[in-house]
């Protein structure tokens, strides 16, 4: 496990991931921070909402945009427990998130450091600073347990 305290937003994202697992959703949580304050949060909810776009990142971005009254989340940071997929990476770029911090890499479905590498394309409108691996062990353990219990 992590040898240092996790940043508070990542700890909150992990708690949201646990809530998602409790609801039968893939355990992913996300938090948007502006000026050190949480302005939006979300957990995976595609099954519960019957909405394939209800990924944790999209839910958190929508909440932050409502809270700030702006579709551009300039100066905001997004903390998420798993490397974002292509859809979520696109939403992050369109929202103009300044910094993305994710916990566990996703070689199978991720699109930031793996797969499509959305931010590396010349067509990408905005490229956030990206930090990976913060809370990786905790997030990976949640995902392993969730999928192990379903096999």
C-alpha atoms as a PDB file:
ATOM      1  CA  UNK A   1       0.000   0.000   0.000  1.00  0.00           C
ATOM      2  CA  UNK A   2       0.961   3.637  -0.219  1.00  0.00           C
ATOM      3  CA  UNK A   3       3.760   4.637   2.143  1.00  0.00           C
ATOM      4  CA  UNK A   4       2.647   8.245   2.424  1.00  0.00           C
ATOM      5  CA  UNK A   5      -0.713   9.869   2.988  1.00  0.00           C
ATOM      6  CA  UNK A   6      -2.795  10.195  -0.154  1.00  0.00           C
ATOM      7  CA  UNK A   7      -3.897  13.660  -1.218  1.00  0.00           C
ATOM      8  CA  UNK A   8      -7.382  14.305   0.191  1.00  0.00           C
ATOM      9  CA  UNK A   9      -9.017  14.445  -3.273  1.00  0.00           C
ATOM     10  CA  UNK A  10      -7.633  11.005  -4.204  1.00  0.00           C
ATOM     11  CA  UNK A  11      -8.754   9.588  -0.856  1.00  0.00           C
ATOM     12  CA  UNK A  12     -12.246  10.943  -1.624  1.00  0.00           C
ATOM     13  CA  UNK A  13     -12.120   9.461  -5.140  1.00  0.00           C
ATOM     14  CA  UNK A  14     -11.249   6.073  -3.621  1.00  0.00           C
ATOM     15  CA  UNK A  15     -14.197   6.373  -1.209  1.00  0.00           C
ATOM     16  CA  UNK A  16     -16.464   7.111  -4.184  1.00  0.00           C
ATOM     17  CA  UNK A  17     -15.033   4.056  -5.963  1.00  0.00           C
ATOM     18  CA  UNK A  18     -15.979   1.944  -2.945  1.00  0.00           C
ATOM     19  CA  UNK A  19     -19.513   3.385  -3.120  1.00  0.00           C
ATOM     20  CA  UNK A  20     -19.678   2.438  -6.793  1.00  0.00           C
ATOM     21  CA  UNK A  21     -18.647  -1.138  -5.989  1.00  0.00           C
ATOM     22  CA  UNK A  22     -21.317  -1.294  -3.294  1.00  0.00           C
ATOM     23  CA  UNK A  23     -23.878  -0.320  -5.931  1.00  0.00           C
ATOM     24  CA  UNK A  24     -22.653  -3.040  -8.300  1.00  0.00           C
ATOM     25  CA  UNK A  25     -20.773  -0.614 -10.555  1.00  0.00           C
ATOM     26  CA  UNK A  26     -17.124  -0.907 -11.568  1.00  0.00           C
ATOM     27  CA  UNK A  27     -15.290   0.806  -8.679  1.00  0.00           C
ATOM     28  CA  UNK A  28     -14.098   4.079 -10.128  1.00  0.00           C
ATOM     29  CA  UNK A  29     -14.388   7.457  -8.418  1.00  0.00           C
ATOM     30  CA  UNK A  30     -13.453  10.968  -9.523  1.00  0.00           C
ATOM     31  CA  UNK A  31     -13.128  14.391  -7.924  1.00  0.00           C
ATOM     32  CA  UNK A  32     -12.647  17.843  -9.503  1.00  0.00           C
ATOM     33  CA  UNK A  33     -10.735  20.409  -7.440  1.00  0.00           C
ATOM     34  CA  UNK A  34     -10.440  24.169  -7.959  1.00  0.00           C
ATOM     35  CA  UNK A  35      -8.233  26.279  -5.706  1.00  0.00           C
ATOM     36  CA  UNK A  36      -7.881  23.408  -3.234  1.00  0.00           C
ATOM     37  CA  UNK A  37     -11.654  22.887  -2.887  1.00  0.00           C
ATOM     38  CA  UNK A  38     -13.709  19.999  -4.247  1.00  0.00           C
ATOM     39  CA  UNK A  39     -16.196  21.440  -6.751  1.00  0.00           C
ATOM     40  CA  UNK A  40     -17.453  18.205  -8.324  1.00  0.00           C
ATOM     41  CA  UNK A  41     -17.362  14.507  -7.688  1.00  0.00           C
ATOM     42  CA  UNK A  42     -18.723  11.348  -9.212  1.00  0.00           C
ATOM     43  CA  UNK A  43     -18.608   7.601  -9.231  1.00  0.00           C
ATOM     44  CA  UNK A  44     -19.282   5.133 -11.974  1.00  0.00           C
ATOM     45  CA  UNK A  45     -23.036   4.819 -12.550  1.00  0.00           C
ATOM     46  CA  UNK A  46     -23.726   3.565 -16.105  1.00  0.00           C
ATOM     47  CA  UNK A  47     -25.784   0.588 -14.913  1.00  0.00           C
ATOM     48  CA  UNK A  48     -27.718   2.449 -12.241  1.00  0.00           C
ATOM     49  CA  UNK A  49     -28.507   5.394 -14.514  1.00  0.00           C
ATOM     50  CA  UNK A  50     -28.858   3.346 -17.717  1.00  0.00           C
ATOM     51  CA  UNK A  51     -26.391   5.812 -19.215  1.00  0.00           C
ATOM     52  CA  UNK A  52     -23.259   4.559 -20.969  1.00  0.00           C
ATOM     53  CA  UNK A  53     -21.658   7.995 -20.513  1.00  0.00           C
ATOM     54  CA  UNK A  54     -22.047   7.989 -16.707  1.00  0.00           C
ATOM     55  CA  UNK A  55     -18.381   7.260 -16.065  1.00  0.00           C
ATOM     56  CA  UNK A  56     -16.985   8.725 -12.839  1.00  0.00           C
ATOM     57  CA  UNK A  57     -14.971  11.379 -14.691  1.00  0.00           C
ATOM     58  CA  UNK A  58     -17.931  12.593 -16.757  1.00  0.00           C
ATOM     59  CA  UNK A  59     -20.215  12.696 -13.701  1.00  0.00           C
ATOM     60  CA  UNK A  60     -17.594  14.713 -11.770  1.00  0.00           C
ATOM     61  CA  UNK A  61     -16.939  17.089 -14.696  1.00  0.00           C
ATOM     62  CA  UNK A  62     -20.677  17.724 -15.129  1.00  0.00           C
ATOM     63  CA  UNK A  63     -21.053  18.445 -11.400  1.00  0.00           C
ATOM     64  CA  UNK A  64     -18.079  20.825 -11.410  1.00  0.00           C
ATOM     65  CA  UNK A  65     -19.328  22.679 -14.491  1.00  0.00           C
ATOM     66  CA  UNK A  66     -22.721  23.166 -12.813  1.00  0.00           C
ATOM     67  CA  UNK A  67     -21.121  24.287  -9.539  1.00  0.00           C
ATOM     68  CA  UNK A  68     -18.813  26.779 -11.274  1.00  0.00           C
ATOM     69  CA  UNK A  69     -21.346  27.900 -13.866  1.00  0.00           C
ATOM     70  CA  UNK A  70     -18.911  27.334 -16.722  1.00  0.00           C
ATOM     71  CA  UNK A  71     -18.294  24.565 -19.235  1.00  0.00           C
ATOM     72  CA  UNK A  72     -14.579  25.356 -19.145  1.00  0.00           C
ATOM     73  CA  UNK A  73     -12.952  24.085 -15.995  1.00  0.00           C
ATOM     74  CA  UNK A  74      -9.829  26.185 -16.400  1.00  0.00           C
ATOM     75  CA  UNK A  75      -7.499  25.858 -13.446  1.00  0.00           C
ATOM     76  CA  UNK A  76      -9.198  22.689 -12.180  1.00  0.00           C
ATOM     77  CA  UNK A  77      -7.609  19.363 -11.332  1.00  0.00           C
ATOM     78  CA  UNK A  78      -9.249  15.968 -11.818  1.00  0.00           C
ATOM     79  CA  UNK A  79      -8.379  13.067  -9.525  1.00  0.00           C
ATOM     80  CA  UNK A  80      -9.607   9.661 -10.705  1.00  0.00           C
ATOM     81  CA  UNK A  81      -8.917   6.135  -9.515  1.00  0.00           C
ATOM     82  CA  UNK A  82      -8.300   4.601 -12.969  1.00  0.00           C
ATOM     83  CA  UNK A  83      -6.633   5.865 -16.131  1.00  0.00           C
ATOM     84  CA  UNK A  84      -9.414   7.465 -18.205  1.00  0.00           C
ATOM     85  CA  UNK A  85     -10.871   5.826 -21.307  1.00  0.00           C
ATOM     86  CA  UNK A  86     -11.018   7.636 -24.672  1.00  0.00           C
ATOM     87  CA  UNK A  87     -14.468   9.121 -23.961  1.00  0.00           C
ATOM     88  CA  UNK A  88     -13.371  10.513 -20.600  1.00  0.00           C
ATOM     89  CA  UNK A  89     -10.040  11.765 -21.965  1.00  0.00           C
ATOM     90  CA  UNK A  90     -12.011  13.642 -24.624  1.00  0.00           C
ATOM     91  CA  UNK A  91     -14.267  15.149 -21.955  1.00  0.00           C
ATOM     92  CA  UNK A  92     -11.199  16.187 -19.944  1.00  0.00           C
ATOM     93  CA  UNK A  93      -9.734  17.941 -22.994  1.00  0.00           C
ATOM     94  CA  UNK A  94     -13.016  19.685 -23.843  1.00  0.00           C
ATOM     95  CA  UNK A  95     -13.445  20.814 -20.219  1.00  0.00           C
ATOM     96  CA  UNK A  96      -9.913  22.247 -20.276  1.00  0.00           C
ATOM     97  CA  UNK A  97      -8.909  20.454 -17.074  1.00  0.00           C
ATOM     98  CA  UNK A  98      -5.430  21.745 -16.147  1.00  0.00           C
ATOM     99  CA  UNK A  99      -4.146  18.607 -14.430  1.00  0.00           C
ATOM    100  CA  UNK A 100      -5.202  14.957 -14.427  1.00  0.00           C
ATOM    101  CA  UNK A 101      -4.060  12.716 -11.590  1.00  0.00           C
ATOM    102  CA  UNK A 102      -5.028   9.068 -11.840  1.00  0.00           C
ATOM    103  CA  UNK A 103      -4.307   6.148  -9.558  1.00  0.00           C
ATOM    104  CA  UNK A 104      -4.110   2.859 -11.469  1.00  0.00           C
ATOM    105  CA  UNK A 105      -3.055   2.479 -15.087  1.00  0.00           C
ATOM    106  CA  UNK A 106      -5.461   0.693 -17.440  1.00  0.00           C
ATOM    107  CA  UNK A 107      -3.530  -1.119 -20.184  1.00  0.00           C
ATOM    108  CA  UNK A 108      -6.774  -2.649 -21.482  1.00  0.00           C
ATOM    109  CA  UNK A 109      -9.099   0.374 -21.685  1.00  0.00           C
ATOM    110  CA  UNK A 110      -7.051   3.425 -20.774  1.00  0.00           C
ATOM    111  CA  UNK A 111      -6.474   6.125 -23.379  1.00  0.00           C
ATOM    112  CA  UNK A 112      -3.991   8.461 -21.700  1.00  0.00           C
ATOM    113  CA  UNK A 113      -0.778   6.442 -21.284  1.00  0.00           C
ATOM    114  CA  UNK A 114      -2.154   3.393 -23.131  1.00  0.00           C
ATOM    115  CA  UNK A 115      -4.299   2.664 -26.174  1.00  0.00           C
ATOM    116  CA  UNK A 116      -5.478   5.758 -28.050  1.00  0.00           C
ATOM    117  CA  UNK A 117      -3.259   8.190 -26.080  1.00  0.00           C
ATOM    118  CA  UNK A 118      -5.822  10.905 -26.726  1.00  0.00           C
ATOM    119  CA  UNK A 119      -3.719  13.800 -25.451  1.00  0.00           C
ATOM    120  CA  UNK A 120      -0.852  12.920 -27.811  1.00  0.00           C
ATOM    121  CA  UNK A 121      -2.907  13.517 -30.981  1.00  0.00           C
ATOM    122  CA  UNK A 122      -2.407  16.783 -32.868  1.00  0.00           C
ATOM    123  CA  UNK A 123      -6.214  17.078 -33.064  1.00  0.00           C
ATOM    124  CA  UNK A 124      -6.508  17.196 -29.271  1.00  0.00           C
ATOM    125  CA  UNK A 125      -7.733  20.664 -28.343  1.00  0.00           C
ATOM    126  CA  UNK A 126      -6.147  20.744 -24.879  1.00  0.00           C
ATOM    127  CA  UNK A 127      -3.493  18.690 -23.116  1.00  0.00           C
ATOM    128  CA  UNK A 128      -3.604  18.589 -19.328  1.00  0.00           C
ATOM    129  CA  UNK A 129      -0.606  17.888 -17.173  1.00  0.00           C
ATOM    130  CA  UNK A 130      -0.821  14.155 -16.344  1.00  0.00           C
ATOM    131  CA  UNK A 131       0.338  12.421 -13.158  1.00  0.00           C
ATOM    132  CA  UNK A 132      -0.188   8.689 -12.741  1.00  0.00           C
ATOM    133  CA  UNK A 133       0.241   6.220  -9.911  1.00  0.00           C
ATOM    134  CA  UNK A 134      -1.072   8.255  -6.950  1.00  0.00           C
ATOM    135  CA  UNK A 135      -3.064   5.695  -4.942  1.00  0.00           C
ATOM    136  CA  UNK A 136      -2.360   2.991  -7.508  1.00  0.00           C
ATOM    137  CA  UNK A 137      -2.153   0.106  -5.026  1.00  0.00           C
ATOM    138  CA  UNK A 138      -5.441   1.014  -3.329  1.00  0.00           C
ATOM    139  CA  UNK A 139      -7.322   1.513  -6.610  1.00  0.00           C
ATOM    140  CA  UNK A 140      -5.926  -1.669  -8.158  1.00  0.00           C
ATOM    141  CA  UNK A 141      -6.898  -3.672  -5.054  1.00  0.00           C
ATOM    142  CA  UNK A 142     -10.493  -2.367  -5.269  1.00  0.00           C
ATOM    143  CA  UNK A 143     -10.721  -3.338  -8.933  1.00  0.00           C
ATOM    144  CA  UNK A 144      -9.178  -6.799  -8.391  1.00  0.00           C
ATOM    145  CA  UNK A 145     -11.572  -7.574  -5.538  1.00  0.00           C
ATOM    146  CA  UNK A 146     -14.592  -6.315  -7.489  1.00  0.00           C
ATOM    147  CA  UNK A 147     -13.860  -8.502 -10.509  1.00  0.00           C
ATOM    148  CA  UNK A 148     -12.709 -11.492  -8.419  1.00  0.00           C
ATOM    149  CA  UNK A 149     -16.071 -11.499  -6.616  1.00  0.00           C
ATOM    150  CA  UNK A 150     -17.895 -11.638  -9.962  1.00  0.00           C
ATOM    151  CA  UNK A 151     -16.045 -14.606 -11.434  1.00  0.00           C
END
